């Protein structure tokens, strides 16, 4: 079970005369996610809200990427909300799109991949 702290240069030696050496650089990557738009986003009422969750450093794609608004699962059956998800090794992402954002759409949005940490953003939909 390698961990990130195990990353570094390792040496293998064969006890011959002269000694034979082989150096190997081990880089252990930790799966993580991030939201492209940062930690906070301000937009005007009626604008399109678009959030993209990127999943990095995974050998296999996540089985799913879930979106939450507050503590509730985002409801993609609403007419103005949709999602586009691409699940591939090393290049997985999910984009949540909400047309005609309203003030009540403000709050914390969280993406939760099946194989990495969650990432969150605070969205402020301005009334004016």
Protein backbone atom coordinates (compact mmCIF):
# COMPACT_ATOMS: atom_id res chain seq x y z
CA UNK A 1 0.00 0.00 0.00
CA UNK A 2 2.25 2.84 -1.18
CA UNK A 3 1.47 6.31 0.13
CA UNK A 4 2.39 9.77 -1.15
CA UNK A 5 5.11 9.99 1.53
CA UNK A 6 6.81 6.94 -0.07
CA UNK A 7 7.60 8.97 -3.21
CA UNK A 8 11.29 9.44 -3.95
CA UNK A 9 14.38 7.98 -5.57
CA UNK A 10 15.14 4.34 -4.79
CA UNK A 11 18.40 2.56 -5.49
CA UNK A 12 18.90 -1.06 -6.42
CA UNK A 13 22.42 -2.49 -6.09
CA UNK A 14 24.00 -5.69 -7.32
CA UNK A 15 27.03 -6.74 -5.30
CA UNK A 16 29.55 -7.15 -8.08
CA UNK A 17 32.92 -5.58 -8.74
CA UNK A 18 32.32 -2.83 -9.65
CA UNK A 19 28.93 -2.45 -7.93
CA UNK A 20 26.06 -2.12 -10.39
CA UNK A 21 23.41 0.43 -9.47
CA UNK A 22 20.01 1.28 -10.84
CA UNK A 23 18.04 4.32 -9.65
CA UNK A 24 14.25 4.43 -9.86
CA UNK A 25 12.06 7.47 -9.23
CA UNK A 26 8.79 6.44 -7.59
CA UNK A 27 5.98 8.98 -7.62
CA UNK A 28 2.87 7.96 -5.69
CA UNK A 29 -0.15 10.02 -6.72
CA UNK A 30 -3.16 10.58 -4.53
CA UNK A 31 -6.54 10.76 -6.26
CA UNK A 32 -8.11 14.19 -5.80
CA UNK A 33 -10.79 16.40 -7.24
CA UNK A 34 -11.09 20.13 -7.78
CA UNK A 35 -13.65 22.55 -9.13
CA UNK A 36 -12.25 24.68 -11.97
CA UNK A 37 -14.12 27.83 -10.95
CA UNK A 38 -12.32 28.06 -7.58
CA UNK A 39 -13.74 28.26 -4.06
CA UNK A 40 -16.29 31.05 -4.60
CA UNK A 41 -18.28 32.24 -7.58
CA UNK A 42 -20.50 35.32 -7.99
CA UNK A 43 -22.99 35.64 -10.84
CA UNK A 44 -26.06 37.68 -11.68
CA UNK A 45 -29.58 36.28 -11.45
CA UNK A 46 -30.62 34.91 -14.84
CA UNK A 47 -27.05 33.96 -15.78
CA UNK A 48 -25.93 30.43 -16.58
CA UNK A 49 -24.16 28.68 -13.71
CA UNK A 50 -21.51 26.26 -14.99
CA UNK A 51 -19.30 24.29 -12.58
CA UNK A 52 -16.69 21.73 -13.65
CA UNK A 53 -15.34 19.06 -11.31
CA UNK A 54 -12.03 17.56 -12.42
CA UNK A 55 -10.75 14.25 -11.04
CA UNK A 56 -6.95 13.91 -11.06
CA UNK A 57 -4.36 11.20 -10.42
CA UNK A 58 -6.54 8.14 -10.84
CA UNK A 59 -5.48 4.89 -12.44
CA UNK A 60 -9.09 4.01 -13.22
CA UNK A 61 -11.98 6.36 -13.90
CA UNK A 62 -14.47 6.93 -11.09
CA UNK A 63 -17.66 4.88 -11.27
CA UNK A 64 -19.61 8.11 -10.83
CA UNK A 65 -19.32 11.78 -9.91
CA UNK A 66 -22.24 13.04 -7.81
CA UNK A 67 -23.22 16.68 -7.35
CA UNK A 68 -24.79 18.15 -4.21
CA UNK A 69 -26.37 21.54 -3.51
CA UNK A 70 -26.04 21.95 0.23
CA UNK A 71 -26.71 18.50 1.64
CA UNK A 72 -29.14 17.47 -1.12
CA UNK A 73 -28.34 15.63 -4.33
CA UNK A 74 -28.56 17.95 -7.35
CA UNK A 75 -31.79 17.27 -9.22
CA UNK A 76 -31.06 16.93 -12.92
CA UNK A 77 -34.70 16.28 -13.77
CA UNK A 78 -35.31 20.03 -13.35
CA UNK A 79 -35.69 21.61 -16.80
CA UNK A 80 -32.93 24.21 -16.35
CA UNK A 81 -30.30 21.85 -14.88
CA UNK A 82 -28.15 19.34 -16.70
CA UNK A 83 -24.87 17.51 -16.35
CA UNK A 84 -22.15 16.38 -18.74
CA UNK A 85 -19.78 13.71 -17.42
CA UNK A 86 -16.73 12.13 -19.03
CA UNK A 87 -15.18 9.19 -17.16
CA UNK A 88 -11.74 8.15 -18.44
CA UNK A 89 -8.46 7.18 -16.74
CA UNK A 90 -6.56 10.37 -15.78
CA UNK A 91 -9.11 12.65 -17.52
CA UNK A 92 -12.45 12.46 -15.73
CA UNK A 93 -14.69 15.47 -15.26
CA UNK A 94 -18.29 16.43 -14.69
CA UNK A 95 -19.89 19.75 -15.56
CA UNK A 96 -23.06 20.91 -13.82
CA UNK A 97 -25.00 23.52 -15.83
CA UNK A 98 -27.93 25.54 -14.52
CA UNK A 99 -29.61 27.93 -16.95
CA UNK A 100 -31.32 31.05 -15.60
CA UNK A 101 -29.87 30.90 -12.07
CA UNK A 102 -32.10 32.26 -9.33
CA UNK A 103 -31.15 33.68 -5.92
CA UNK A 104 -32.32 30.46 -4.21
CA UNK A 105 -29.69 28.58 -6.26
CA UNK A 106 -27.01 30.22 -4.10
CA UNK A 107 -25.15 27.99 -1.68
CA UNK A 108 -22.46 25.37 -1.51
CA UNK A 109 -22.07 22.97 -4.45
CA UNK A 110 -20.02 19.82 -3.91
CA UNK A 111 -18.80 17.24 -6.38
CA UNK A 112 -18.15 13.79 -4.97
CA UNK A 113 -16.30 11.27 -7.17
CA UNK A 114 -16.43 7.60 -6.19
CA UNK A 115 -12.64 7.33 -6.01
CA UNK A 116 -11.37 10.71 -4.76
CA UNK A 117 -12.00 13.42 -2.19
CA UNK A 118 -14.91 15.84 -2.50
CA UNK A 119 -14.47 19.40 -3.78
CA UNK A 120 -16.77 22.33 -2.97
CA UNK A 121 -17.51 25.85 -4.14
CA UNK A 122 -19.70 28.57 -2.63
CA UNK A 123 -21.99 30.13 -5.25
CA UNK A 124 -23.60 33.57 -4.81
CA UNK A 125 -26.41 34.45 -7.20
CA UNK A 126 -26.89 38.23 -6.96
CA UNK A 127 -30.37 39.70 -7.17
CA UNK A 128 -29.45 42.91 -8.98
